[in-house]
């Protein structure tokens, strides 16, 4: 481990063990990773009409999928949710995007003392209506449309803010079920602690820039939640859960950890970028992340075998993983959107070590 990584891991230990320093220490880690001395000063014009370029979106999704926690074995199917009866699931249009709104009633659908290990959004793509295709022109052929799923976070001021959850290319001329990994959206909903449905948006865009690709993408239609839509296959949210009484992860803290009665373990510790004033407009994705932190006590050896000068054994980070982000970068008078991967941001393992 070089000095830079060692410094990062040291600061991470501070971030995840002393909550009072979370904001400043986390900001210091992020700035160091980007080689910045301070948070970029963004103007209102920098934040207007932001569109994440496809190459940035692709890089972020690639990093995200690589870093996602491996699915635990033996998932049990918790249930299939088909939306709220009577919800129409509007389809909105803009110059380059078709947006479909989805709403799922989550209250009481996740068993107590269980963990959502995977959530899939299943959308039924309707057979292609060739009447919706643009007239043939001398354009490079377009075979796919980009379909992205966003979690919609309703702000206290009545506005909405979205978070990119999954994105993939879908063949325009194929019909049938298409699946998207929306586990992160369910975790966001669980963290929000609001007694309201989970809102998703499906964006259908051209696979590349240009009006022809956008027009071709408009031919893609998924069945909506509207009861009047008689097409097969309403949107489904499939939840997989594990009973923590049977499959609780060894090394993760149980409830007694909050009361300081546990041995060294990994405790949940969520960091919301949307609630940090310095990050809420600068870091675009993710909305937040489960960082975890190390908590609990360690058995102390007798005094006689201790090495002179060594301190107490304490619970500390023994392994960590990276966090992909999308952020705004100032390049002179221009603002660019970039994707990066921050190492050592998510605690994977905790263990007892001797101070000094």
Foldseek 3Di string as FASTA:
>chain_A
DDPVVVVLQVLLQVLFPPVVCVQVSVLVSVCVVVVHPAQDDDDPVQQPPDDADPVQVVVLQVVCVVFDDDQDPDWDWLDKWQADPPDAQDWDDDQFKIKTKTWTQCPPSDDPQKDFRWKKKKWWKDAFDCVLADDDDPDDDAFWKKKWKWWWDQDPVRDIATFTAFIDIDGLRDTGIDMTTRSVQVVVVVVVPDNGITMMMMMIGFPHDDNNSSSSSVRIDTQESRPVRPDPDRIMMITIMDNCVVVPDPQADDPCQVVQPDAKGWYWDKDALCPRVSRNSFWRPDRIDGQIHITHHDDFDDPVVDDPPKAGKGKTADDAAKDKTWGWDDDDPDIDIHIDIRGRRHGDHIDIDIHD
